[in-house]
Protein backbone atom coordinates (compact mmCIF):
# COMPACT_ATOMS: atom_id res chain seq x y z
CA MET A 1 47.47 164.45 127.79
CA ARG A 2 49.18 167.38 125.20
CA LEU A 3 48.34 170.71 126.38
CA LEU A 4 48.79 173.99 125.35
CA PHE A 5 50.13 176.86 127.34
CA VAL A 6 48.89 180.31 125.81
CA LEU A 7 51.35 182.88 127.67
CA ASP A 8 51.35 186.72 126.54
CA GLN A 9 54.94 186.13 126.69
CA TRP A 10 58.12 182.78 127.29
CA ALA A 11 60.02 182.89 129.20
CA GLU A 12 60.29 186.51 131.82
CA LEU A 13 62.66 186.11 134.43
CA SER A 14 59.92 187.26 136.33
CA GLU A 15 57.11 184.12 135.99
CA THR A 16 59.41 181.44 137.41
CA PHE A 17 56.62 179.67 138.54
CA VAL A 18 54.97 178.98 134.92
CA VAL A 19 58.61 177.48 133.49
CA ASN A 20 57.80 175.26 137.22
CA GLU A 21 54.59 174.24 136.69
CA LEU A 22 55.12 173.51 132.97
CA GLN A 23 58.35 170.63 134.09
CA ALA A 24 55.94 169.63 136.91
CA LEU A 25 53.74 169.11 134.06
CA ARG A 26 56.08 167.19 132.04
CA ARG A 27 57.76 164.87 134.63
CA MET A 28 53.76 163.73 135.10
CA GLY A 29 54.29 162.62 131.39
CA HIS A 30 52.01 165.04 129.90
CA VAL A 31 53.47 166.51 126.85
CA VAL A 32 53.43 170.84 126.71
CA TYR A 33 53.24 173.04 123.79
CA VAL A 34 53.71 176.59 124.45
CA GLN A 35 52.27 179.53 122.62
CA ALA A 36 53.41 183.08 123.27
CA ALA A 37 52.50 186.27 121.75
CA ARG A 38 56.45 187.74 122.24
CA ARG A 39 59.30 186.42 123.89
CA ALA A 40 60.41 187.53 127.18
CA GLN A 41 62.34 191.04 127.14
CA HIS A 42 64.10 189.36 130.47
CA PRO A 43 64.21 185.60 129.22
CA ASN A 44 64.39 182.95 132.46
CA PRO A 45 68.37 181.49 131.43
CA GLU A 46 66.73 177.79 133.56
CA ALA A 47 63.64 177.91 130.94
CA PRO A 48 63.62 174.16 128.74
CA GLU A 49 65.65 174.54 125.90
CA ASP A 50 63.65 171.86 124.32
CA VAL A 51 59.67 172.64 124.52
CA GLU A 52 57.99 173.72 121.75
CA LEU A 53 57.54 177.51 120.95
CA PHE A 54 55.30 178.79 118.63
CA VAL A 55 55.59 182.82 118.36
CA LEU A 56 51.90 184.39 117.49
CA SER A 57 54.19 186.92 115.87
CA GLN A 58 56.47 184.84 113.47
CA ASP A 59 54.20 184.51 110.52
CA GLY A 60 54.28 186.35 107.62
CA ARG A 61 50.79 187.64 106.29
CA ARG A 62 50.54 185.41 103.52
CA ARG A 63 50.85 182.88 105.89
CA GLN A 64 48.11 184.24 108.01
CA LEU A 65 45.80 184.50 105.38
CA LEU A 66 45.82 181.06 104.18
CA ASP A 67 45.73 179.43 107.61
CA VAL A 68 42.65 182.36 108.17
CA ALA A 69 40.70 180.59 104.69
CA TRP A 70 41.41 177.09 105.94
CA LEU A 71 40.22 177.58 109.40
CA ALA A 72 36.61 179.64 107.77
CA SER A 73 36.26 176.61 105.63
CA ARG A 74 36.64 174.51 108.77
CA HIS A 75 34.80 176.07 111.09
CA PRO A 76 32.37 178.77 109.92
CA LEU A 77 30.39 179.90 112.41
CA ALA A 78 33.17 179.54 114.71
CA CYS A 79 34.88 182.41 112.89
CA LEU A 80 31.16 184.10 112.66
CA ARG A 81 30.40 184.02 116.17
CA ASP A 82 34.38 185.22 117.28
CA LEU A 83 34.01 188.20 114.28
CA GLY A 84 30.64 189.09 115.93
CA ARG A 85 32.16 188.79 119.59
CA ARG A 86 34.94 191.15 118.69
CA ARG A 87 33.15 193.92 118.69
CA ARG A 88 31.93 193.30 122.54
CA TRP A 89 35.36 192.10 123.76
CA ARG A 90 36.81 195.71 121.81
CA ARG A 91 35.18 197.95 124.68
CA GLU A 92 37.50 196.59 127.07
CA GLU A 93 40.84 195.37 125.90
CA TRP A 94 42.83 195.21 121.81
CA VAL A 95 41.94 192.26 120.21
CA ARG A 96 44.09 190.32 117.80
CA PRO A 97 42.89 189.33 114.45
CA LEU A 98 41.34 186.37 113.74
CA ARG A 99 43.95 185.85 111.24
CA ALA A 100 46.54 186.12 113.90
CA LEU A 101 45.16 183.13 115.39
CA ALA A 102 44.73 181.05 112.27
CA THR A 103 47.77 179.56 112.20
CA ALA A 104 47.51 178.65 116.16
CA ALA A 105 44.05 177.12 115.31
CA ARG A 106 46.00 175.04 112.44
CA ARG A 107 48.99 173.87 114.56
CA LEU A 108 46.11 172.55 117.43
CA GLU A 109 44.62 170.22 114.89
CA ARG A 110 47.78 169.26 113.03
CA ASP A 111 49.56 168.76 116.83
CA GLY A 112 46.43 166.88 118.88
CA ILE A 113 46.54 169.28 121.33
CA GLU A 114 43.39 168.53 124.08
CA HIS A 115 43.41 171.55 126.21
CA LEU A 116 44.25 174.77 126.50
CA HIS A 117 45.53 176.23 129.67
CA ALA A 118 46.35 180.21 129.56
CA HIS A 119 48.66 182.05 132.64
CA PHE A 120 47.35 185.43 133.55
CA ALA A 121 43.86 186.70 133.00
CA ALA A 122 44.97 189.29 130.37
CA GLY A 123 45.06 188.88 126.56
CA ALA A 124 46.63 185.28 126.89
CA ALA A 125 43.16 184.44 128.33
CA LEU A 126 41.58 186.21 125.01
CA ASP A 127 43.75 184.29 123.22
CA ALA A 128 42.92 180.61 125.08
CA LEU A 129 39.11 181.60 125.14
CA ARG A 130 38.95 182.23 121.09
CA LEU A 131 41.41 179.34 119.89
CA ALA A 132 39.12 177.34 122.47
CA ALA A 133 35.87 178.31 120.68
CA LEU A 134 37.23 178.47 117.36
CA THR A 135 38.35 174.57 117.61
CA GLY A 136 36.25 173.21 120.35
CA ARG A 137 38.69 172.18 122.74
CA PRO A 138 38.84 172.71 126.82
CA PHE A 139 40.61 175.64 128.03
CA SER A 140 41.78 177.05 131.46
CA VAL A 141 42.96 179.48 133.08
CA THR A 142 45.88 180.67 135.89
CA ALA A 143 44.77 184.40 137.16
CA HIS A 144 47.65 186.20 139.42
CA ALA A 145 47.69 189.46 140.59
CA TYR A 146 47.31 192.69 138.07
CA ASP A 147 45.63 190.41 135.14
CA ILE A 148 42.70 190.23 138.35
CA PHE A 149 43.01 193.81 140.45
CA MET A 150 44.82 196.36 138.03
CA SER A 151 43.64 195.37 134.48
CA PRO A 152 40.87 193.25 134.78
CA ARG A 153 39.61 193.61 131.54
CA ASN A 154 36.53 190.89 130.00
CA LEU A 155 37.99 189.07 132.86
CA ARG A 156 34.04 188.12 133.72
CA ALA A 157 33.92 187.14 130.31
CA LYS A 158 37.09 184.62 130.31
CA LEU A 159 36.37 183.32 133.59
CA GLU A 160 33.10 182.53 133.24
CA THR A 161 33.41 181.01 130.08
CA ALA A 162 36.90 178.77 130.91
CA ASP A 163 36.13 175.19 131.69
CA ALA A 164 38.20 175.81 134.91
CA VAL A 165 39.72 178.76 136.41
CA PHE A 166 42.72 178.22 138.80
CA THR A 167 44.36 180.66 141.70
CA GLY A 168 46.93 181.04 144.17
CA CYS A 169 45.31 181.62 147.75
CA ASP A 170 42.11 182.00 149.22
CA TYR A 171 42.41 185.85 149.19
CA ASN A 172 42.62 186.06 144.76
CA VAL A 173 39.55 183.01 145.56
CA GLU A 174 36.94 184.56 147.50
CA TYR A 175 37.79 188.15 145.06
CA LEU A 176 37.15 185.80 141.73
CA ARG A 177 33.89 184.31 142.94
CA THR A 178 32.61 187.91 143.59
CA ALA A 179 33.70 188.94 140.27
CA ALA A 180 32.56 185.64 138.17
CA PRO A 181 30.05 184.07 140.10
CA GLY A 182 30.04 181.92 137.20
CA ALA A 183 33.29 180.82 137.64
CA ARG A 184 34.92 177.41 138.23
CA VAL A 185 37.09 178.42 140.68
CA HIS A 186 40.02 176.27 142.63
CA LYS A 187 42.58 177.13 144.64
CA VAL A 188 46.20 175.38 143.62
CA VAL A 189 49.16 177.20 145.45
CA MET A 190 52.09 178.38 142.61
CA GLY A 191 54.48 176.00 144.53
CA VAL A 192 58.07 175.84 144.48
CA ASP A 193 60.29 172.32 144.32
CA ALA A 194 61.59 172.11 147.95
CA GLU A 195 64.76 170.15 146.55
CA ALA A 196 65.56 173.08 144.54
CA PHE A 197 65.13 175.24 147.46
CA ALA A 198 67.53 173.81 150.13
CA ARG A 199 69.97 175.15 152.52
CA GLN A 200 73.81 174.26 151.64
CA THR A 201 74.82 175.56 154.49
CA ALA A 202 73.93 176.69 158.06
CA LEU A 203 71.38 179.64 158.79
CA PRO A 204 74.19 182.51 159.39
CA GLY A 205 72.69 183.69 162.49
CA GLY A 206 73.07 187.73 161.58
CA ARG A 207 71.02 190.67 160.34
CA THR A 208 70.63 190.45 157.00
CA VAL A 209 67.06 191.06 155.48
CA LEU A 210 66.23 190.19 152.08
CA ALA A 211 64.10 191.48 149.63
CA VAL A 212 62.87 190.32 146.15
CA GLY A 213 60.40 191.84 143.66
CA ARG A 214 60.13 194.36 141.06
CA LEU A 215 60.74 198.00 141.74
CA ILE A 216 56.92 199.32 141.95
CA GLU A 217 54.51 200.44 144.28
CA LYS A 218 53.20 197.32 145.27
CA LYS A 219 56.26 195.79 146.92
CA GLY A 220 56.25 198.73 149.37
CA PHE A 221 60.04 198.83 149.12
CA ASP A 222 60.30 202.50 149.98
CA VAL A 223 58.29 201.46 153.36
CA LEU A 224 61.47 198.81 153.92
CA VAL A 225 63.61 201.58 152.91
CA ASP A 226 62.00 203.91 155.68
CA ALA A 227 61.96 200.91 158.59
CA ALA A 228 65.74 199.98 157.63
CA ALA A 229 66.90 204.06 158.71
CA LEU A 230 64.85 203.07 161.45
CA LEU A 231 66.80 199.85 162.41
CA GLY A 232 69.90 201.53 162.07
CA GLN A 233 73.31 200.44 160.63
CA GLY A 234 73.52 197.51 162.86
CA VAL A 235 70.96 195.63 160.12
CA ARG A 236 72.01 194.65 155.86
CA VAL A 237 68.80 195.09 153.86
CA ARG A 238 69.86 193.68 150.50
CA ILE A 239 66.62 194.01 147.66
CA VAL A 240 67.22 192.29 144.62
CA GLY A 241 64.78 193.13 141.52
CA ASP A 242 64.59 196.57 139.06
CA GLY A 243 62.03 198.97 137.94
CA PRO A 244 60.40 202.43 137.08
CA LEU A 245 61.44 202.70 141.20
CA ARG A 246 64.70 202.61 141.31
CA GLY A 247 65.52 205.71 140.90
CA GLU A 248 62.77 207.27 143.99
CA LEU A 249 64.58 204.64 145.78
CA VAL A 250 68.05 205.16 145.12
CA ALA A 251 66.96 208.88 146.66
CA ARG A 252 65.20 207.96 149.24
CA ILE A 253 67.95 205.66 150.52
CA GLU A 254 70.58 208.29 150.18
CA ALA A 255 68.17 211.13 152.34
CA SER A 256 67.53 209.04 155.14
CA GLY A 257 70.84 207.29 155.35
CA ALA A 258 69.05 203.61 155.54
CA PRO A 259 71.61 200.78 155.63
CA VAL A 260 69.93 199.69 151.99
CA GLU A 261 72.23 197.90 149.06
CA LEU A 262 69.82 197.62 145.32
CA LEU A 263 71.37 194.53 143.37
CA GLY A 264 68.74 194.93 140.69
CA SER A 265 67.84 192.04 138.64
CA LEU A 266 69.19 188.23 139.21
CA PRO A 267 69.11 184.75 137.37
CA PRO A 268 67.40 182.59 139.52
CA ALA A 269 70.37 180.87 140.49
CA GLN A 270 71.82 184.03 141.88
CA VAL A 271 68.23 184.78 144.17
CA CYS A 272 68.81 181.32 145.38
CA GLN A 273 72.36 182.20 147.12
CA ALA A 274 71.61 185.80 148.24
CA LEU A 275 68.60 183.61 150.03
CA GLU A 276 71.33 181.10 151.39
CA GLU A 277 73.11 183.90 152.80
CA ALA A 278 69.99 185.60 154.19
CA ASP A 279 68.44 185.93 158.11
CA VAL A 280 64.83 187.18 156.68
CA LEU A 281 62.87 187.82 154.08
CA ALA A 282 60.91 190.82 153.86
CA MET A 283 57.62 190.91 152.08
CA PRO A 284 56.22 194.54 152.88
CA CYS A 285 53.25 194.70 150.38
CA VAL A 286 50.89 197.44 150.00
CA VAL A 287 47.78 197.61 147.39
CA ALA A 288 48.83 200.56 144.99
CA ARG A 289 46.82 204.14 144.36
CA ASP A 290 45.71 202.27 141.05
CA GLY A 291 44.71 198.70 142.86
CA ASP A 292 47.63 196.76 141.76
CA ARG A 293 48.72 193.79 144.43
CA ASP A 294 50.37 191.14 145.48
CA SER A 295 48.58 188.01 145.91
CA MET A 296 50.88 185.21 147.68
CA PRO A 297 54.71 186.16 146.45
CA VAL A 298 56.30 182.89 145.10
CA VAL A 299 59.75 184.09 147.05
CA VAL A 300 58.01 183.94 149.88
CA LYS A 301 57.66 180.10 150.30
CA GLU A 302 60.98 179.59 148.69
CA ALA A 303 62.71 181.77 152.01
CA MET A 304 60.07 179.46 154.20
CA ALA A 305 61.56 176.54 151.88
CA MET A 306 65.89 177.53 152.56
CA GLN A 307 63.86 177.92 156.30
CA LEU A 308 63.95 181.73 156.66
CA LEU A 309 62.22 183.81 158.96
CA VAL A 310 59.77 186.03 156.90
CA VAL A 311 58.42 189.66 157.68
CA ALA A 312 55.40 190.83 155.84
CA SER A 313 52.35 193.38 155.35
CA ASP A 314 49.12 191.94 156.78
CA GLU A 315 47.96 192.24 153.46
CA VAL A 316 46.69 190.12 150.32
CA GLY A 317 47.39 186.29 150.79
CA LEU A 318 50.39 186.73 152.68
CA PRO A 319 48.80 186.04 156.13
CA GLU A 320 47.85 182.61 154.35
CA CYS A 321 51.62 181.69 154.57
CA VAL A 322 53.63 183.93 157.10
CA LEU A 323 52.13 181.99 160.16
CA ALA A 324 53.76 181.87 163.52
CA PRO A 325 56.64 180.80 164.50
CA TRP A 326 58.16 181.60 161.61
CA GLY A 327 55.83 184.73 160.19
CA PHE A 328 55.85 188.26 161.38
CA LEU A 329 52.99 190.38 160.07
CA ALA A 330 52.52 194.30 160.25
CA ALA A 331 50.09 196.50 159.09
CA PRO A 332 51.18 197.70 155.88
CA ARG A 333 52.56 201.17 154.90
CA ASP A 334 53.53 201.43 158.75
CA ALA A 335 57.29 201.58 158.62
CA ARG A 336 57.74 201.75 162.55
CA ALA A 337 55.16 198.73 162.93
CA LEU A 338 57.38 197.11 159.76
CA ALA A 339 60.72 197.92 161.73
CA GLN A 340 59.31 196.79 164.99
CA ALA A 341 58.53 193.28 163.23
CA LEU A 342 61.77 193.40 162.17
CA ARG A 343 63.28 194.00 165.25
CA ARG A 344 61.49 190.89 166.88
CA ALA A 345 62.69 188.55 163.94
CA LEU A 346 66.34 189.24 164.49
CA ALA A 347 66.00 188.72 168.07
CA LEU A 348 65.25 185.36 168.04
CA GLY A 349 68.87 183.54 169.02
CA PRO A 350 70.25 180.24 166.65
CA GLN A 351 68.28 177.57 168.22
CA GLU A 352 64.80 179.99 168.00
CA ARG A 353 65.49 180.03 164.36
CA SER A 354 66.43 176.78 163.63
CA ARG A 355 63.14 175.20 165.01
CA ALA A 356 61.34 178.05 163.25
CA GLY A 357 62.84 177.92 159.94
CA GLU A 358 62.50 173.62 159.99
CA GLN A 359 58.62 174.75 160.83
CA ALA A 360 58.40 177.35 157.37
CA ARG A 361 60.15 173.88 155.47
CA ALA A 362 57.75 171.15 156.38
CA TRP A 363 54.73 173.90 155.66
CA VAL A 364 55.88 174.59 152.08
CA LYS A 365 56.41 170.92 151.55
CA ARG A 366 52.70 170.19 153.02
CA HIS A 367 51.33 173.10 150.73
CA ALA A 368 53.30 174.58 148.37
CA ASP A 369 55.09 171.93 146.83
CA VAL A 370 55.27 172.33 142.89
CA GLU A 371 54.86 168.80 142.24
CA SER A 372 51.57 168.10 144.60
CA GLN A 373 49.82 171.45 143.76
CA THR A 374 50.90 170.73 140.01
CA ALA A 375 49.35 167.01 140.36
CA ARG A 376 45.45 169.55 142.03
CA MET A 377 45.96 171.37 138.51
CA SER A 378 46.31 168.73 136.36
CA ALA A 379 43.63 166.75 138.18
CA VAL A 380 41.23 169.52 137.88
CA ILE A 381 41.91 169.58 134.18
CA ASP A 382 41.29 165.74 133.75
CA ARG A 383 37.36 165.71 135.49
CA THR A 384 36.22 169.14 133.62
CA ASP A 385 37.84 168.16 130.09
CA ALA A 386 35.66 164.54 131.07
CA SER A 387 32.58 167.19 131.59
CA ALA A 388 33.20 169.40 128.56
CA ARG A 389 33.10 166.23 126.01
CA ASP A 390 30.05 164.91 127.88
CA LEU A 391 28.30 168.01 127.09
CA ARG A 392 28.97 168.58 123.69
CA CYS A 393 28.15 165.17 122.66
CA SER A 394 24.30 165.59 121.55
CA PRO A 395 21.53 163.23 122.76
CA ARG A 396 21.44 161.92 119.38
CA ASN A 397 24.92 161.12 119.23
CA ALA A 398 24.30 159.56 123.06
CA ILE A 399 21.40 157.11 122.06
CA LYS A 400 23.38 156.01 118.83
CA ARG A 401 26.59 155.04 120.86
CA ALA A 402 24.16 154.08 123.64
CA ARG A 403 23.18 151.17 121.24
CA ARG A 404 26.45 150.18 120.06
CA GLU A 405 27.44 149.44 123.96
CA ASN A 406 24.07 147.30 124.28
């Protein structure tokens, strides 16, 4: 299959799951192209360099005008429908001019793209929806978190128009089936490569707690700082990531004397090394005041693959993977409950930690392996594309085809 990944940015450091899925599809034999609205501000150094990338903003106005004339001559009714729908879409979000998509549409036909897949139900999903309608190709969407809960712009239209919708946990599936009852929603976990996230050394058996994520409200790192202050100096807490709340967290750490170190953003290889040196992963997610939230963070499954204990809030999709004996849950926004859960995890002896870690890794291999989860997505796309082709065939063409076959 020849697929086009439609993205808002490529390849963002915090979106390693996009690269992982793309690489898994390529290993399955699919040809995958990438279209992005822009290049990532914080690029992933491990993104493949040989992927064919098309950035929407890189074409000049003259090229766009020539291509929109070509598109209008090839698909006049589709162009008129697109212009009409733009008025409705503009009520909720900015809509890219048709000329900006015309070159992308021409490339689809030139490269023989068979399917479009958008990551995030945001601007990329609208681009994919429009390109699919303009060129008669099927498209799918993977909905994640902020695009569902914080900025659900034209969400129902995008999901119900898509031939398939994927999302990473039961929490999201239930929400999307309510928000877009007509959508064909499938659970596909954002998987990890258990071989890439495999321990190189024995579990350290110490009292180091690691947290990984952007420094934003929904990660709950302010609660982690307060919990660390309650735990005292015997515990070492390290937070990997950067973001707008860094200043507030620094002030909170200094005021409380919490044993917390902010490491800033790190490339994937160094995150892996930080996991190697940790005893527990903390993921105290909360629902932010603006409604933003996580679903099932990939780093939790990476930590489990590396046989770490996990302490998390009983929120969003976390209870689906943070299970006993490796998982410890606490009420969200409750620093005392989080501190108590961390104490329970850190109180386990070396043998108990080892047994629990082995079970965590086995769970990842069964339920969150990037190869098997991507294969599930590919199989759904195969089925839905076949159905879409059948639906696009008119009764007259079906009769003619039957006569030829007979």
